[in-house]
Amino acid sequence: MSWTRYTGRALADITLDGDALHAELEDRIRVGNPHLTDVRLELATATEAFDAERSRRWYDVIYLAEDPEDNP
């Protein structure tokens, strides 16, 4: 398998920071992309956008992951 760099957006609870924030963002990325394995967040940048209840903020993310579908 090979590592690929991806960009995207993910939601996270506004009260989180540090390792807890990165863990939640990685989890959200995995849920949205179940075919990816070993997701590793490289960079997360908070945006000004929130969810409808304003309890979660959108983050622009860059992450590395393995895609087993690329290497049958």
C-alpha atoms as a PDB file:
ATOM      1  CA  MET A   1       0.000   0.000   0.000  1.00  0.00           C
ATOM      2  CA  SER A   2       1.100   3.541  -0.571  1.00  0.00           C
ATOM      3  CA  TRP A   3       0.580   6.722   1.393  1.00  0.00           C
ATOM      4  CA  THR A   4      -1.410   9.468  -0.269  1.00  0.00           C
ATOM      5  CA  ARG A   5      -1.882  13.063   0.877  1.00  0.00           C
ATOM      6  CA  TYR A   6      -5.489  14.292   0.881  1.00  0.00           C
ATOM      7  CA  THR A   7      -7.174  17.593   1.609  1.00  0.00           C
ATOM      8  CA  GLY A   8     -10.709  18.115   2.829  1.00  0.00           C
ATOM      9  CA  ARG A   9     -12.940  19.467   5.567  1.00  0.00           C
ATOM     10  CA  ALA A  10     -14.067  17.914   8.834  1.00  0.00           C
ATOM     11  CA  LEU A  11     -16.216  18.936  11.808  1.00  0.00           C
ATOM     12  CA  ALA A  12     -15.033  18.842  15.419  1.00  0.00           C
ATOM     13  CA  ASP A  13     -16.397  19.907  18.782  1.00  0.00           C
ATOM     14  CA  ILE A  14     -15.456  23.545  19.473  1.00  0.00           C
ATOM     15  CA  THR A  15     -14.281  22.737  23.012  1.00  0.00           C
ATOM     16  CA  LEU A  16     -11.501  20.390  21.845  1.00  0.00           C
ATOM     17  CA  ASP A  17      -7.870  21.256  21.231  1.00  0.00           C
ATOM     18  CA  GLY A  18      -4.537  19.508  20.891  1.00  0.00           C
ATOM     19  CA  ASP A  19      -4.496  15.709  20.684  1.00  0.00           C
ATOM     20  CA  ALA A  20      -8.231  15.419  21.403  1.00  0.00           C
ATOM     21  CA  LEU A  21      -9.038  17.695  18.452  1.00  0.00           C
ATOM     22  CA  HIS A  22      -6.757  15.747  16.123  1.00  0.00           C
ATOM     23  CA  ALA A  23      -8.257  12.431  17.262  1.00  0.00           C
ATOM     24  CA  GLU A  24     -11.818  13.635  16.593  1.00  0.00           C
ATOM     25  CA  LEU A  25     -10.877  15.009  13.170  1.00  0.00           C
ATOM     26  CA  GLU A  26      -9.153  11.733  12.239  1.00  0.00           C
ATOM     27  CA  ASP A  27     -12.245   9.809  13.361  1.00  0.00           C
ATOM     28  CA  ARG A  28     -14.514  12.012  11.235  1.00  0.00           C
ATOM     29  CA  ILE A  29     -12.235  11.521   8.233  1.00  0.00           C
ATOM     30  CA  ARG A  30     -12.361   7.726   8.714  1.00  0.00           C
ATOM     31  CA  VAL A  31     -16.171   7.747   8.948  1.00  0.00           C
ATOM     32  CA  GLY A  32     -16.463   9.784   5.750  1.00  0.00           C
ATOM     33  CA  ASN A  33     -13.879   7.651   3.915  1.00  0.00           C
ATOM     34  CA  PRO A  34     -14.258   4.073   5.184  1.00  0.00           C
ATOM     35  CA  HIS A  35     -12.032   2.674   2.422  1.00  0.00           C
ATOM     36  CA  LEU A  36      -8.990   4.560   3.792  1.00  0.00           C
ATOM     37  CA  THR A  37      -6.790   2.978   6.427  1.00  0.00           C
ATOM     38  CA  ASP A  38      -4.293   4.397   8.899  1.00  0.00           C
ATOM     39  CA  VAL A  39      -5.448   8.020   8.611  1.00  0.00           C
ATOM     40  CA  ARG A  40      -2.916  10.467  10.051  1.00  0.00           C
ATOM     41  CA  LEU A  41      -3.780  14.130  10.366  1.00  0.00           C
ATOM     42  CA  GLU A  42      -1.009  16.386   9.147  1.00  0.00           C
ATOM     43  CA  LEU A  43      -2.597  19.841   9.499  1.00  0.00           C
ATOM     44  CA  ALA A  44      -5.907  21.265  10.690  1.00  0.00           C
ATOM     45  CA  THR A  45      -6.893  24.894  10.223  1.00  0.00           C
ATOM     46  CA  ALA A  46     -10.031  26.252  11.889  1.00  0.00           C
ATOM     47  CA  THR A  47     -12.487  27.994   9.575  1.00  0.00           C
ATOM     48  CA  GLU A  48     -15.113  30.585  10.444  1.00  0.00           C
ATOM     49  CA  ALA A  49     -17.894  28.092   9.600  1.00  0.00           C
ATOM     50  CA  PHE A  50     -19.887  26.257  12.289  1.00  0.00           C
ATOM     51  CA  ASP A  51     -22.586  23.581  12.227  1.00  0.00           C
ATOM     52  CA  ALA A  52     -26.249  24.552  12.689  1.00  0.00           C
ATOM     53  CA  GLU A  53     -26.079  24.305  16.503  1.00  0.00           C
ATOM     54  CA  ARG A  54     -22.717  26.129  16.599  1.00  0.00           C
ATOM     55  CA  SER A  55     -21.315  23.360  18.786  1.00  0.00           C
ATOM     56  CA  ARG A  56     -18.906  22.134  16.108  1.00  0.00           C
ATOM     57  CA  ARG A  57     -16.503  24.034  13.878  1.00  0.00           C
ATOM     58  CA  TRP A  58     -15.362  23.141  10.377  1.00  0.00           C
ATOM     59  CA  TYR A  59     -11.645  22.585   9.870  1.00  0.00           C
ATOM     60  CA  ASP A  60      -9.702  22.499   6.622  1.00  0.00           C
ATOM     61  CA  VAL A  61      -7.560  19.383   6.940  1.00  0.00           C
ATOM     62  CA  ILE A  62      -4.573  17.791   5.271  1.00  0.00           C
ATOM     63  CA  TYR A  63      -4.024  14.141   6.088  1.00  0.00           C
ATOM     64  CA  LEU A  64      -2.114  11.076   4.983  1.00  0.00           C
ATOM     65  CA  ALA A  65      -3.787   7.725   4.487  1.00  0.00           C
ATOM     66  CA  GLU A  66      -3.350   4.376   2.847  1.00  0.00           C
ATOM     67  CA  ASP A  67      -5.900   3.371   0.256  1.00  0.00           C
ATOM     68  CA  PRO A  68      -5.985  -0.417  -0.173  1.00  0.00           C
ATOM     69  CA  GLU A  69      -8.115   0.030  -3.302  1.00  0.00           C
ATOM     70  CA  ASP A  70      -5.095   1.584  -5.037  1.00  0.00           C
ATOM     71  CA  ASN A  71      -3.109  -1.650  -4.589  1.00  0.00           C
ATOM     72  CA  PRO A  72      -5.305  -4.717  -5.123  1.00  0.00           C
END
